[in-house]
Amino acid sequence: MPKLKTADLYLSSFLKARGARLTHMSRVGPQVNFEFEDPDLNELVTSFYDNGPVPVMDFTTSLRALRGALQNVPREGDR
């Protein structure tokens, strides 16, 4: 199954809103990486960069959930 690691919060929100599975979040310095997997991941990423459709409330809900989760990602070495 295709996997993707990204630090882009908006791409991550889009992927989550479109149903991609968030498998892991990790912090490297000040940056948080989001890891996703989905059989259609390549098409979803292409759709994001092509300004593909996503329900506004789903995107907003995903964005808020990921922003909230950022606070709970341990810093490197804090585990």
PDB file of N, CA and C in Angstrom:
ATOM      1  N   MET A   1       0.852  -1.177   0.000  1.00  0.00           N
ATOM      2  CA  MET A   1       0.000   0.000   0.000  1.00  0.00           C
ATOM      3  C   MET A   1       0.899   1.242   0.000  1.00  0.00           C
ATOM      4  N   PRO A   2       0.617   2.211  -0.878  1.00  0.00           N
ATOM      5  CA  PRO A   2       1.431   3.434  -0.938  1.00  0.00           C
ATOM      6  C   PRO A   2       1.418   4.204   0.389  1.00  0.00           C
ATOM      7  N   LYS A   3       2.592   4.748   0.738  1.00  0.00           N
ATOM      8  CA  LYS A   3       2.739   5.528   1.967  1.00  0.00           C
ATOM      9  C   LYS A   3       3.339   6.881   1.628  1.00  0.00           C
ATOM     10  N   LEU A   4       3.065   7.857   2.491  1.00  0.00           N
ATOM     11  CA  LEU A   4       3.586   9.210   2.294  1.00  0.00           C
ATOM     12  C   LEU A   4       3.914   9.811   3.646  1.00  0.00           C
ATOM     13  N   LYS A   5       5.048  10.482   3.724  1.00  0.00           N
ATOM     14  CA  LYS A   5       5.419  11.257   4.913  1.00  0.00           C
ATOM     15  C   LYS A   5       5.519  12.701   4.461  1.00  0.00           C
ATOM     16  N   THR A   6       4.826  13.606   5.164  1.00  0.00           N
ATOM     17  CA  THR A   6       4.836  15.021   4.811  1.00  0.00           C
ATOM     18  C   THR A   6       4.746  15.872   6.068  1.00  0.00           C
ATOM     19  N   ALA A   7       5.290  17.072   5.988  1.00  0.00           N
ATOM     20  CA  ALA A   7       5.165  18.049   7.073  1.00  0.00           C
ATOM     21  C   ALA A   7       4.118  19.101   6.718  1.00  0.00           C
ATOM     22  N   ASP A   8       3.485  18.975   5.560  1.00  0.00           N
ATOM     23  CA  ASP A   8       2.500  19.951   5.082  1.00  0.00           C
ATOM     24  C   ASP A   8       1.152  19.715   5.771  1.00  0.00           C
ATOM     25  N   LEU A   9       0.788  20.624   6.660  1.00  0.00           N
ATOM     26  CA  LEU A   9      -0.448  20.494   7.426  1.00  0.00           C
ATOM     27  C   LEU A   9      -1.678  20.534   6.520  1.00  0.00           C
ATOM     28  N   TYR A  10      -1.652  21.353   5.481  1.00  0.00           N
ATOM     29  CA  TYR A  10      -2.817  21.475   4.604  1.00  0.00           C
ATOM     30  C   TYR A  10      -2.981  20.247   3.711  1.00  0.00           C
ATOM     31  N   LEU A  11      -1.898  19.716   3.197  1.00  0.00           N
ATOM     32  CA  LEU A  11      -1.970  18.460   2.447  1.00  0.00           C
ATOM     33  C   LEU A  11      -2.468  17.348   3.360  1.00  0.00           C
ATOM     34  N   SER A  12      -1.961  17.311   4.584  1.00  0.00           N
ATOM     35  CA  SER A  12      -2.390  16.291   5.539  1.00  0.00           C
ATOM     36  C   SER A  12      -3.874  16.411   5.852  1.00  0.00           C
ATOM     37  N   SER A  13      -4.362  17.629   6.004  1.00  0.00           N
ATOM     38  CA  SER A  13      -5.785  17.848   6.267  1.00  0.00           C
ATOM     39  C   SER A  13      -6.626  17.387   5.087  1.00  0.00           C
ATOM     40  N   PHE A  14      -6.166  17.674   3.890  1.00  0.00           N
ATOM     41  CA  PHE A  14      -6.861  17.248   2.679  1.00  0.00           C
ATOM     42  C   PHE A  14      -6.917  15.723   2.606  1.00  0.00           C
ATOM     43  N   LEU A  15      -5.764  15.076   2.830  1.00  0.00           N
ATOM     44  CA  LEU A  15      -5.722  13.614   2.764  1.00  0.00           C
ATOM     45  C   LEU A  15      -6.652  12.986   3.793  1.00  0.00           C
ATOM     46  N   LYS A  16      -6.619  13.518   5.005  1.00  0.00           N
ATOM     47  CA  LYS A  16      -7.487  13.000   6.066  1.00  0.00           C
ATOM     48  C   LYS A  16      -8.952  13.211   5.713  1.00  0.00           C
ATOM     49  N   ALA A  17      -9.290  14.371   5.182  1.00  0.00           N
ATOM     50  CA  ALA A  17     -10.678  14.660   4.801  1.00  0.00           C
ATOM     51  C   ALA A  17     -11.147  13.753   3.668  1.00  0.00           C
ATOM     52  N   ARG A  18     -10.236  13.347   2.815  1.00  0.00           N
ATOM     53  CA  ARG A  18     -10.579  12.474   1.693  1.00  0.00           C
ATOM     54  C   ARG A  18     -10.491  10.992   2.050  1.00  0.00           C
ATOM     55  N   GLY A  19     -10.176  10.681   3.318  1.00  0.00           N
ATOM     56  CA  GLY A  19     -10.252   9.300   3.787  1.00  0.00           C
ATOM     57  C   GLY A  19      -8.947   8.536   3.875  1.00  0.00           C
ATOM     58  N   ALA A  20      -7.809   9.178   3.599  1.00  0.00           N
ATOM     59  CA  ALA A  20      -6.524   8.485   3.752  1.00  0.00           C
ATOM     60  C   ALA A  20      -6.290   8.211   5.237  1.00  0.00           C
ATOM     61  N   ARG A  21      -5.632   7.104   5.517  1.00  0.00           N
ATOM     62  CA  ARG A  21      -5.403   6.704   6.908  1.00  0.00           C
ATOM     63  C   ARG A  21      -4.107   7.311   7.429  1.00  0.00           C
ATOM     64  N   LEU A  22      -4.232   8.112   8.497  1.00  0.00           N
ATOM     65  CA  LEU A  22      -3.078   8.680   9.191  1.00  0.00           C
ATOM     66  C   LEU A  22      -2.511   7.579  10.072  1.00  0.00           C
ATOM     67  N   THR A  23      -1.279   7.154   9.787  1.00  0.00           N
ATOM     68  CA  THR A  23      -0.704   6.028  10.521  1.00  0.00           C
ATOM     69  C   THR A  23       0.241   6.443  11.637  1.00  0.00           C
ATOM     70  N   HIS A  24       0.831   7.638  11.509  1.00  0.00           N
ATOM     71  CA  HIS A  24       1.824   8.038  12.519  1.00  0.00           C
ATOM     72  C   HIS A  24       2.103   9.536  12.411  1.00  0.00           C
ATOM     73  N   MET A  25       2.452  10.127  13.549  1.00  0.00           N
ATOM     74  CA  MET A  25       2.925  11.510  13.590  1.00  0.00           C
ATOM     75  C   MET A  25       4.220  11.504  14.388  1.00  0.00           C
ATOM     76  N   SER A  26       5.220  12.229  13.902  1.00  0.00           N
ATOM     77  CA  SER A  26       6.498  12.299  14.616  1.00  0.00           C
ATOM     78  C   SER A  26       7.043  13.717  14.524  1.00  0.00           C
ATOM     79  N   ARG A  27       7.765  14.098  15.556  1.00  0.00           N
ATOM     80  CA  ARG A  27       8.346  15.440  15.609  1.00  0.00           C
ATOM     81  C   ARG A  27       9.852  15.336  15.398  1.00  0.00           C
ATOM     82  N   VAL A  28      10.349  16.155  14.487  1.00  0.00           N
ATOM     83  CA  VAL A  28      11.782  16.257  14.242  1.00  0.00           C
ATOM     84  C   VAL A  28      12.121  17.736  14.388  1.00  0.00           C
ATOM     85  N   GLY A  29      12.712  18.087  15.517  1.00  0.00           N
ATOM     86  CA  GLY A  29      12.946  19.499  15.822  1.00  0.00           C
ATOM     87  C   GLY A  29      11.600  20.184  15.968  1.00  0.00           C
ATOM     88  N   PRO A  30      11.423  21.340  15.337  1.00  0.00           N
ATOM     89  CA  PRO A  30      10.145  22.040  15.449  1.00  0.00           C
ATOM     90  C   PRO A  30       9.084  21.513  14.476  1.00  0.00           C
ATOM     91  N   GLN A  31       9.483  20.630  13.585  1.00  0.00           N
ATOM     92  CA  GLN A  31       8.588  20.165  12.517  1.00  0.00           C
ATOM     93  C   GLN A  31       7.911  18.847  12.887  1.00  0.00           C
ATOM     94  N   VAL A  32       6.633  18.719  12.548  1.00  0.00           N
ATOM     95  CA  VAL A  32       5.903  17.472  12.743  1.00  0.00           C
ATOM     96  C   VAL A  32       5.664  16.845  11.383  1.00  0.00           C
ATOM     97  N   ASN A  33       5.975  15.557  11.278  1.00  0.00           N
ATOM     98  CA  ASN A  33       5.722  14.802  10.059  1.00  0.00           C
ATOM     99  C   ASN A  33       4.477  13.954  10.239  1.00  0.00           C
ATOM    100  N   PHE A  34       3.635  13.959   9.232  1.00  0.00           N
ATOM    101  CA  PHE A  34       2.435  13.144   9.197  1.00  0.00           C
ATOM    102  C   PHE A  34       2.677  12.008   8.220  1.00  0.00           C
ATOM    103  N   GLU A  35       2.322  10.781   8.609  1.00  0.00           N
ATOM    104  CA  GLU A  35       2.499   9.636   7.727  1.00  0.00           C
ATOM    105  C   GLU A  35       1.122   9.054   7.388  1.00  0.00           C
ATOM    106  N   PHE A  36       0.891   8.892   6.103  1.00  0.00           N
ATOM    107  CA  PHE A  36      -0.380   8.392   5.595  1.00  0.00           C
ATOM    108  C   PHE A  36      -0.168   7.164   4.741  1.00  0.00           C
ATOM    109  N   GLU A  37      -1.236   6.341   4.648  1.00  0.00           N
ATOM    110  CA  GLU A  37      -1.254   5.268   3.669  1.00  0.00           C
ATOM    111  C   GLU A  37      -2.670   5.140   3.119  1.00  0.00           C
ATOM    112  N   ASP A  38      -2.738   4.802   1.848  1.00  0.00           N
ATOM    113  CA  ASP A  38      -4.014   4.650   1.167  1.00  0.00           C
ATOM    114  C   ASP A  38      -3.733   4.031  -0.203  1.00  0.00           C
ATOM    115  N   PRO A  39      -4.599   3.140  -0.670  1.00  0.00           N
ATOM    116  CA  PRO A  39      -4.369   2.564  -1.994  1.00  0.00           C
ATOM    117  C   PRO A  39      -4.350   3.619  -3.101  1.00  0.00           C
ATOM    118  N   ASP A  40      -5.065   4.715  -2.922  1.00  0.00           N
ATOM    119  CA  ASP A  40      -5.158   5.771  -3.935  1.00  0.00           C
ATOM    120  C   ASP A  40      -4.342   7.003  -3.569  1.00  0.00           C
ATOM    121  N   LEU A  41      -3.308   6.833  -2.767  1.00  0.00           N
ATOM    122  CA  LEU A  41      -2.563   7.972  -2.233  1.00  0.00           C
ATOM    123  C   LEU A  41      -1.982   8.867  -3.325  1.00  0.00           C
ATOM    124  N   ASN A  42      -1.411   8.285  -4.356  1.00  0.00           N
ATOM    125  CA  ASN A  42      -0.829   9.101  -5.423  1.00  0.00           C
ATOM    126  C   ASN A  42      -1.886   9.966  -6.100  1.00  0.00           C
ATOM    127  N   GLU A  43      -3.065   9.400  -6.329  1.00  0.00           N
ATOM    128  CA  GLU A  43      -4.148  10.155  -6.950  1.00  0.00           C
ATOM    129  C   GLU A  43      -4.655  11.259  -6.018  1.00  0.00           C
ATOM    130  N   LEU A  44      -4.690  10.970  -4.716  1.00  0.00           N
ATOM    131  CA  LEU A  44      -5.131  11.981  -3.750  1.00  0.00           C
ATOM    132  C   LEU A  44      -4.163  13.161  -3.697  1.00  0.00           C
ATOM    133  N   VAL A  45      -2.871  12.881  -3.705  1.00  0.00           N
ATOM    134  CA  VAL A  45      -1.876  13.954  -3.679  1.00  0.00           C
ATOM    135  C   VAL A  45      -1.977  14.782  -4.956  1.00  0.00           C
ATOM    136  N   THR A  46      -2.126  14.116  -6.082  1.00  0.00           N
ATOM    137  CA  THR A  46      -2.300  14.832  -7.351  1.00  0.00           C
ATOM    138  C   THR A  46      -3.552  15.696  -7.302  1.00  0.00           C
ATOM    139  N   SER A  47      -4.620  15.167  -6.735  1.00  0.00           N
ATOM    140  CA  SER A  47      -5.866  15.919  -6.618  1.00  0.00           C
ATOM    141  C   SER A  47      -5.679  17.173  -5.760  1.00  0.00           C
ATOM    142  N   PHE A  48      -4.907  17.050  -4.673  1.00  0.00           N
ATOM    143  CA  PHE A  48      -4.633  18.208  -3.825  1.00  0.00           C
ATOM    144  C   PHE A  48      -3.956  19.311  -4.628  1.00  0.00           C
ATOM    145  N   TYR A  49      -2.913  18.966  -5.361  1.00  0.00           N
ATOM    146  CA  TYR A  49      -2.164  19.972  -6.118  1.00  0.00           C
ATOM    147  C   TYR A  49      -2.918  20.467  -7.344  1.00  0.00           C
ATOM    148  N   ASP A  50      -3.933  19.719  -7.781  1.00  0.00           N
ATOM    149  CA  ASP A  50      -4.793  20.157  -8.885  1.00  0.00           C
ATOM    150  C   ASP A  50      -6.044  20.874  -8.376  1.00  0.00           C
ATOM    151  N   ASN A  51      -6.054  21.222  -7.081  1.00  0.00           N
ATOM    152  CA  ASN A  51      -7.184  21.920  -6.471  1.00  0.00           C
ATOM    153  C   ASN A  51      -8.458  21.080  -6.536  1.00  0.00           C
ATOM    154  N   GLY A  52      -8.306  19.786  -6.225  1.00  0.00           N
ATOM    155  CA  GLY A  52      -9.427  18.853  -6.257  1.00  0.00           C
ATOM    156  C   GLY A  52     -10.471  19.156  -5.193  1.00  0.00           C
ATOM    157  N   PRO A  53     -11.670  18.633  -5.407  1.00  0.00           N
ATOM    158  CA  PRO A  53     -12.762  18.922  -4.479  1.00  0.00           C
ATOM    159  C   PRO A  53     -12.606  18.193  -3.143  1.00  0.00           C
ATOM    160  N   VAL A  54     -13.006  18.886  -2.102  1.00  0.00           N
ATOM    161  CA  VAL A  54     -13.102  18.302  -0.768  1.00  0.00           C
ATOM    162  C   VAL A  54     -14.178  19.098  -0.033  1.00  0.00           C
ATOM    163  N   PRO A  55     -15.091  18.408   0.652  1.00  0.00           N
ATOM    164  CA  PRO A  55     -16.112  19.148   1.406  1.00  0.00           C
ATOM    165  C   PRO A  55     -15.456  20.076   2.441  1.00  0.00           C
ATOM    166  N   VAL A  56     -15.882  21.305   2.441  1.00  0.00           N
ATOM    167  CA  VAL A  56     -15.271  22.332   3.291  1.00  0.00           C
ATOM    168  C   VAL A  56     -15.314  21.943   4.770  1.00  0.00           C
ATOM    169  N   MET A  57     -16.438  21.451   5.235  1.00  0.00           N
ATOM    170  CA  MET A  57     -16.537  21.092   6.658  1.00  0.00           C
ATOM    171  C   MET A  57     -15.637  19.906   6.987  1.00  0.00           C
ATOM    172  N   ASP A  58     -15.487  18.952   6.072  1.00  0.00           N
ATOM    173  CA  ASP A  58     -14.583  17.823   6.306  1.00  0.00           C
ATOM    174  C   ASP A  58     -13.139  18.311   6.389  1.00  0.00           C
ATOM    175  N   PHE A  59     -12.756  19.224   5.493  1.00  0.00           N
ATOM    176  CA  PHE A  59     -11.406  19.776   5.508  1.00  0.00           C
ATOM    177  C   PHE A  59     -11.166  20.548   6.804  1.00  0.00           C
ATOM    178  N   THR A  60     -12.110  21.382   7.192  1.00  0.00           N
ATOM    179  CA  THR A  60     -11.977  22.183   8.411  1.00  0.00           C
ATOM    180  C   THR A  60     -11.879  21.295   9.645  1.00  0.00           C
ATOM    181  N   THR A  61     -12.696  20.263   9.702  1.00  0.00           N
ATOM    182  CA  THR A  61     -12.662  19.330  10.828  1.00  0.00           C
ATOM    183  C   THR A  61     -11.320  18.615  10.890  1.00  0.00           C
ATOM    184  N   SER A  62     -10.809  18.183   9.740  1.00  0.00           N
ATOM    185  CA  SER A  62      -9.502  17.521   9.692  1.00  0.00           C
ATOM    186  C   SER A  62      -8.389  18.463  10.125  1.00  0.00           C
ATOM    187  N   LEU A  63      -8.430  19.691   9.641  1.00  0.00           N
ATOM    188  CA  LEU A  63      -7.417  20.682   9.997  1.00  0.00           C
ATOM    189  C   LEU A  63      -7.410  20.934  11.500  1.00  0.00           C
ATOM    190  N   ARG A  64      -8.571  21.108  12.083  1.00  0.00           N
ATOM    191  CA  ARG A  64      -8.656  21.341  13.533  1.00  0.00           C
ATOM    192  C   ARG A  64      -8.169  20.131  14.320  1.00  0.00           C
ATOM    193  N   ALA A  65      -8.520  18.937  13.870  1.00  0.00           N
ATOM    194  CA  ALA A  65      -8.099  17.720  14.572  1.00  0.00           C
ATOM    195  C   ALA A  65      -6.577  17.565  14.520  1.00  0.00           C
ATOM    196  N   LEU A  66      -5.981  17.819  13.357  1.00  0.00           N
ATOM    197  CA  LEU A  66      -4.526  17.696  13.245  1.00  0.00           C
ATOM    198  C   LEU A  66      -3.817  18.772  14.044  1.00  0.00           C
ATOM    199  N   ARG A  67      -4.324  19.990  14.015  1.00  0.00           N
ATOM    200  CA  ARG A  67      -3.719  21.063  14.829  1.00  0.00           C
ATOM    201  C   ARG A  67      -3.763  20.705  16.309  1.00  0.00           C
ATOM    202  N   GLY A  68      -4.880  20.168  16.751  1.00  0.00           N
ATOM    203  CA  GLY A  68      -5.000  19.750  18.151  1.00  0.00           C
ATOM    204  C   GLY A  68      -4.041  18.620  18.490  1.00  0.00           C
ATOM    205  N   ALA A  69      -3.869  17.689  17.556  1.00  0.00           N
ATOM    206  CA  ALA A  69      -2.988  16.554  17.785  1.00  0.00           C
ATOM    207  C   ALA A  69      -1.519  16.962  17.816  1.00  0.00           C
ATOM    208  N   LEU A  70      -1.176  18.082  17.193  1.00  0.00           N
ATOM    209  CA  LEU A  70       0.220  18.547  17.186  1.00  0.00           C
ATOM    210  C   LEU A  70       0.760  18.716  18.602  1.00  0.00           C
ATOM    211  N   GLN A  71      -0.093  19.137  19.508  1.00  0.00           N
ATOM    212  CA  GLN A  71       0.331  19.390  20.880  1.00  0.00           C
ATOM    213  C   GLN A  71       0.745  18.111  21.602  1.00  0.00           C
ATOM    214  N   ASN A  72       0.250  16.962  21.116  1.00  0.00           N
ATOM    215  CA  ASN A  72       0.503  15.690  21.796  1.00  0.00           C
ATOM    216  C   ASN A  72       1.636  14.872  21.180  1.00  0.00           C
ATOM    217  N   VAL A  73       2.275  15.395  20.146  1.00  0.00           N
ATOM    218  CA  VAL A  73       3.372  14.664  19.514  1.00  0.00           C
ATOM    219  C   VAL A  73       4.635  14.916  20.322  1.00  0.00           C
ATOM    220  N   PRO A  74       5.235  13.850  20.858  1.00  0.00           N
ATOM    221  CA  PRO A  74       6.429  14.043  21.693  1.00  0.00           C
ATOM    222  C   PRO A  74       7.619  14.545  20.878  1.00  0.00           C
ATOM    223  N   ARG A  75       8.439  15.333  21.530  1.00  0.00           N
ATOM    224  CA  ARG A  75       9.668  15.798  20.887  1.00  0.00           C
ATOM    225  C   ARG A  75      10.637  14.622  20.807  1.00  0.00           C
ATOM    226  N   GLU A  76      11.541  14.709  19.858  1.00  0.00           N
ATOM    227  CA  GLU A  76      12.521  13.665  19.654  1.00  0.00           C
ATOM    228  C   GLU A  76      13.293  13.441  20.969  1.00  0.00           C
ATOM    229  N   GLY A  77      13.334  12.218  21.452  1.00  0.00           N
ATOM    230  CA  GLY A  77      14.034  11.895  22.680  1.00  0.00           C
ATOM    231  C   GLY A  77      13.181  11.989  23.932  1.00  0.00           C
ATOM    232  N   ASP A  78      11.916  12.451  23.821  1.00  0.00           N
ATOM    233  CA  ASP A  78      11.033  12.595  24.996  1.00  0.00           C
ATOM    234  C   ASP A  78      10.213  11.336  25.274  1.00  0.00           C
ATOM    235  N   ARG A  79      10.406  10.305  24.527  1.00  0.00           N
ATOM    236  CA  ARG A  79       9.558   9.115  24.674  1.00  0.00           C
ATOM    237  C   ARG A  79       9.910   8.329  25.847  1.00  0.00           C
TER     238      ARG A  79
END
